[in-house]
Structure formats: structure tokens, C-alpha cells
Amino acid sequence: MSKLSYEDKINLYHDYKEGSSINTLSRKYNKRKSGITYLIKLIDIHGFDVLKTSRNKSYPITFKHDAIDRVLLNKEPVWSVSLDIGLSSDGMLQNWIKKYKENGYNIVERKRGRPTMPKVTKKKENETKDEKIKRLEEENLYLKAELEYSKKLRDVVQARKNQQQKKK
């Protein structure tokens, strides 16, 4: 299923308003019927300006949390909340809710960009005693943090395995 360009979305909307059926538009634009219906409703509510958003738009944590609360606490349908806040698809909100539940009802921001390796200080050939102590202390601190991280990761993996075994 291909993504539609801005012009295709406008043409799809105009075709629908001129009387084309959802089934016809689904075949013509190679999109699911639900996606076409959502797009039409979105344009009806917010106009064509909602289509001009950038491809990789990021949303603040508070925005996501408010949307998730409307669905989980207020029992509003995902589809109507997505339309109301102007998301490009209702699947975005469904993914947010899924990740929210997976992370123990916490919103975790996805890191963007390439991961960076922490700086590890290298041993100098003629370092003083104070420099050597400082370097070893930094290295020790780094190793302690790495060990703590691996312990927590192991605990999380074990907890998930236990949950899966309980479900069976």
C-alpha cells in the first residue's frame, strides 16, 4: 500500500465529493476503505491545511498523554479522538496506546538519530597519579552504570517471560 501525495489526497477528496464511491476510490488509489473514509472525515473537519504537515512530525508527551487519556479513561473511540486532534491516521493513536501499555503505562519518547557511544577515556602514556585516579574513577563509574543497566534489563526480560507463561 503506497502513501498518497498531497495532490493525490486532494484529488481523492474531490472525486468523493463528485460522487465516486469509497470502493471505487479504494481501487483507484490502492488504499484501504477505512483509510479513505478517515481521510475524507479528516478533511471535512480540519480542511486541507491538515494535509500540509511534515512527514516526520513529532508530538509532545503531554499531547500524546491527553489523547491516550481520552481513549482509556473517558472511553472515547480511537477513531473519533484521532479525527478530533487531527492525526494523519487513526493507527498512530492505536500505536501510542499499545506502546503506552507495553511500557507499564508510561510514555517513552523514541530516540531519534544514530546512537552514540559513550566517551571512554584512554590511558595516556605519561599521566600523573591524579589523572590516573580520575580516569580510573570515571571508568569505574561507567562500568557500574553498565552493570546496573544490564541487571535491570535482565529483570525486565524475566518479568515479560513470567507474564507470557502466566497467560498460557
Protein backbone atom coordinates (compact mmCIF):
# COMPACT_ATOMS: atom_id res chain seq x y z
CA MET A 1 0.00 0.00 0.00
CA SER A 2 1.57 3.24 -1.12
CA LYS A 3 1.41 6.59 0.61
CA LEU A 4 -0.55 9.26 -1.16
CA SER A 5 0.96 12.58 -2.14
CA TYR A 6 -0.66 15.86 -1.16
CA GLU A 7 -2.14 16.22 -4.66
CA ASP A 8 -3.50 12.65 -4.61
CA LYS A 9 -5.26 13.30 -1.30
CA ILE A 10 -6.88 16.45 -2.69
CA ASN A 11 -7.91 14.63 -5.89
CA LEU A 12 -9.32 11.75 -3.83
CA TYR A 13 -11.41 14.17 -1.77
CA HIS A 14 -12.72 15.95 -4.86
CA ASP A 15 -13.52 12.61 -6.54
CA TYR A 16 -15.52 11.60 -3.48
CA LYS A 17 -17.41 14.90 -3.40
CA GLU A 18 -18.21 14.47 -7.11
CA GLY A 19 -19.93 11.16 -6.35
CA SER A 20 -17.32 8.40 -6.57
CA SER A 21 -17.89 5.56 -4.14
CA ILE A 22 -15.41 4.51 -1.44
CA ASN A 23 -14.94 1.15 -3.22
CA THR A 24 -14.04 2.87 -6.49
CA LEU A 25 -11.62 5.21 -4.75
CA SER A 26 -10.09 2.28 -2.87
CA ARG A 27 -9.23 0.52 -6.12
CA LYS A 28 -8.14 3.70 -7.90
CA TYR A 29 -5.75 4.90 -5.17
CA ASN A 30 -4.80 1.43 -3.86
CA LYS A 31 -5.81 2.29 -0.28
CA ARG A 32 -7.99 0.55 2.30
CA LYS A 33 -11.59 1.70 2.54
CA SER A 34 -11.13 2.64 6.20
CA GLY A 35 -8.12 4.82 5.31
CA ILE A 36 -10.07 6.63 2.63
CA THR A 37 -13.05 7.16 4.95
CA TYR A 38 -10.72 8.51 7.64
CA LEU A 39 -9.02 10.89 5.19
CA ILE A 40 -12.35 12.25 3.95
CA LYS A 41 -13.63 12.84 7.50
CA LEU A 42 -10.31 14.45 8.48
CA ILE A 43 -10.51 16.92 5.58
CA ASP A 44 -14.18 17.63 6.35
CA ILE A 45 -13.29 18.55 9.94
CA HIS A 46 -9.92 20.30 9.56
CA GLY A 47 -9.78 21.33 5.91
CA PHE A 48 -6.85 20.88 3.52
CA ASP A 49 -4.41 22.55 5.93
CA VAL A 50 -4.19 19.34 7.98
CA LEU A 51 -2.58 17.64 4.96
CA LYS A 52 0.33 20.10 4.86
CA THR A 53 2.12 18.67 7.89
CA SER A 54 5.67 17.42 7.59
CA ARG A 55 6.32 13.70 7.16
CA ASN A 56 8.13 13.13 10.43
CA LYS A 57 6.05 15.27 12.74
CA SER A 58 6.73 14.65 16.42
CA TYR A 59 4.17 15.26 19.12
CA PRO A 60 4.89 16.42 22.68
CA ILE A 61 4.42 13.93 25.53
CA THR A 62 1.56 15.96 27.02
CA PHE A 63 -0.30 15.88 23.70
CA LYS A 64 0.08 12.10 23.50
CA HIS A 65 -0.90 11.66 27.13
CA ASP A 66 -4.07 13.74 26.70
CA ALA A 67 -5.09 11.73 23.63
CA ILE A 68 -4.42 8.40 25.36
CA ASP A 69 -6.37 9.52 28.45
CA ARG A 70 -9.37 10.42 26.30
CA VAL A 71 -9.42 6.88 24.95
CA LEU A 72 -8.58 4.90 28.07
CA LEU A 73 -10.21 6.99 30.81
CA ASN A 74 -13.06 8.76 29.02
CA LYS A 75 -13.84 5.69 26.86
CA GLU A 76 -13.92 7.74 23.64
CA PRO A 77 -13.38 5.78 20.40
CA VAL A 78 -9.85 5.88 18.98
CA TRP A 79 -11.18 6.87 15.59
CA SER A 80 -13.05 9.96 16.84
CA VAL A 81 -10.18 11.12 19.07
CA SER A 82 -7.74 10.77 16.15
CA LEU A 83 -10.05 12.80 13.93
CA ASP A 84 -10.62 15.41 16.60
CA ILE A 85 -6.91 16.07 17.25
CA GLY A 86 -6.05 15.87 13.53
CA LEU A 87 -3.70 12.87 13.34
CA SER A 88 -2.82 11.72 9.84
CA SER A 89 -4.20 8.23 10.63
CA ASP A 90 -6.04 6.53 13.45
CA GLY A 91 -3.27 3.91 13.53
CA MET A 92 -0.92 6.45 15.12
CA LEU A 93 -3.06 6.71 18.25
CA GLN A 94 -3.51 2.93 18.36
CA ASN A 95 0.29 2.56 18.29
CA TRP A 96 0.68 5.15 21.06
CA ILE A 97 -1.79 3.24 23.25
CA LYS A 98 -0.09 -0.08 22.54
CA LYS A 99 3.35 1.29 23.44
CA TYR A 100 1.86 3.02 26.50
CA LYS A 101 0.55 -0.29 27.80
CA GLU A 102 3.75 -2.18 26.92
CA ASN A 103 5.87 0.33 28.86
CA GLY A 104 3.92 -0.05 32.08
CA TYR A 105 1.55 2.87 31.44
CA ASN A 106 4.39 5.29 30.78
CA ILE A 107 5.01 7.30 27.64
CA VAL A 108 8.53 6.75 26.39
CA GLU A 109 9.85 9.08 23.73
CA ARG A 110 11.52 7.33 20.84
CA LYS A 111 15.12 8.39 20.40
CA ARG A 112 15.86 9.86 17.01
CA GLY A 113 19.10 9.76 15.11
CA ARG A 114 22.05 7.45 15.35
CA PRO A 115 23.03 6.09 18.73
CA THR A 116 26.26 7.48 20.09
CA MET A 117 28.87 5.59 22.01
CA PRO A 118 29.85 7.00 25.40
CA LYS A 119 33.25 8.57 25.70
CA VAL A 120 35.77 6.23 27.26
CA THR A 121 38.88 7.97 28.40
CA LYS A 122 42.03 6.32 27.11
CA LYS A 123 45.14 5.77 29.11
CA LYS A 124 47.85 8.32 28.42
CA GLU A 125 51.47 7.26 28.35
CA ASN A 126 52.78 9.80 30.83
CA GLU A 127 49.82 10.67 33.03
CA THR A 128 50.17 11.88 36.56
CA LYS A 129 48.89 9.99 39.56
CA ASP A 130 45.91 12.35 39.92
CA GLU A 131 44.99 11.97 36.24
CA LYS A 132 45.23 8.20 36.55
CA ILE A 133 42.96 8.18 39.61
CA LYS A 134 40.44 10.41 37.87
CA ARG A 135 40.45 8.22 34.74
CA LEU A 136 40.01 5.05 36.79
CA GLU A 137 37.17 6.61 38.80
CA GLU A 138 35.36 7.61 35.58
CA GLU A 139 35.89 4.15 34.15
CA ASN A 140 34.63 2.56 37.37
CA LEU A 141 31.53 4.77 37.35
CA TYR A 142 30.84 3.85 33.72
CA LEU A 143 31.20 0.13 34.43
CA LYS A 144 28.91 0.35 37.46
CA ALA A 145 26.24 2.07 35.37
CA GLU A 146 26.62 -0.53 32.62
CA LEU A 147 26.26 -3.36 35.16
CA GLU A 148 23.18 -1.74 36.72
CA TYR A 149 21.63 -1.33 33.28
CA SER A 150 22.23 -4.97 32.38
CA LYS A 151 20.68 -6.10 35.69
CA LYS A 152 17.55 -4.02 35.08
CA LEU A 153 17.31 -5.26 31.51
CA ARG A 154 17.60 -8.86 32.69
CA ASP A 155 14.83 -8.22 35.26
CA VAL A 156 12.53 -6.75 32.61
CA VAL A 157 13.12 -9.70 30.27
CA GLN A 158 12.45 -12.14 33.09
CA ALA A 159 9.25 -10.31 34.05
CA ARG A 160 7.98 -10.47 30.46
CA LYS A 161 8.75 -14.19 30.29
CA ASN A 162 6.84 -14.73 33.52
CA GLN A 163 3.86 -12.76 32.17
CA GLN A 164 3.82 -14.81 28.99
CA GLN A 165 3.93 -18.05 30.96
CA LYS A 166 1.02 -16.90 33.16
CA LYS A 167 -1.08 -16.07 30.06
CA LYS A 168 -0.64 -19.62 28.74
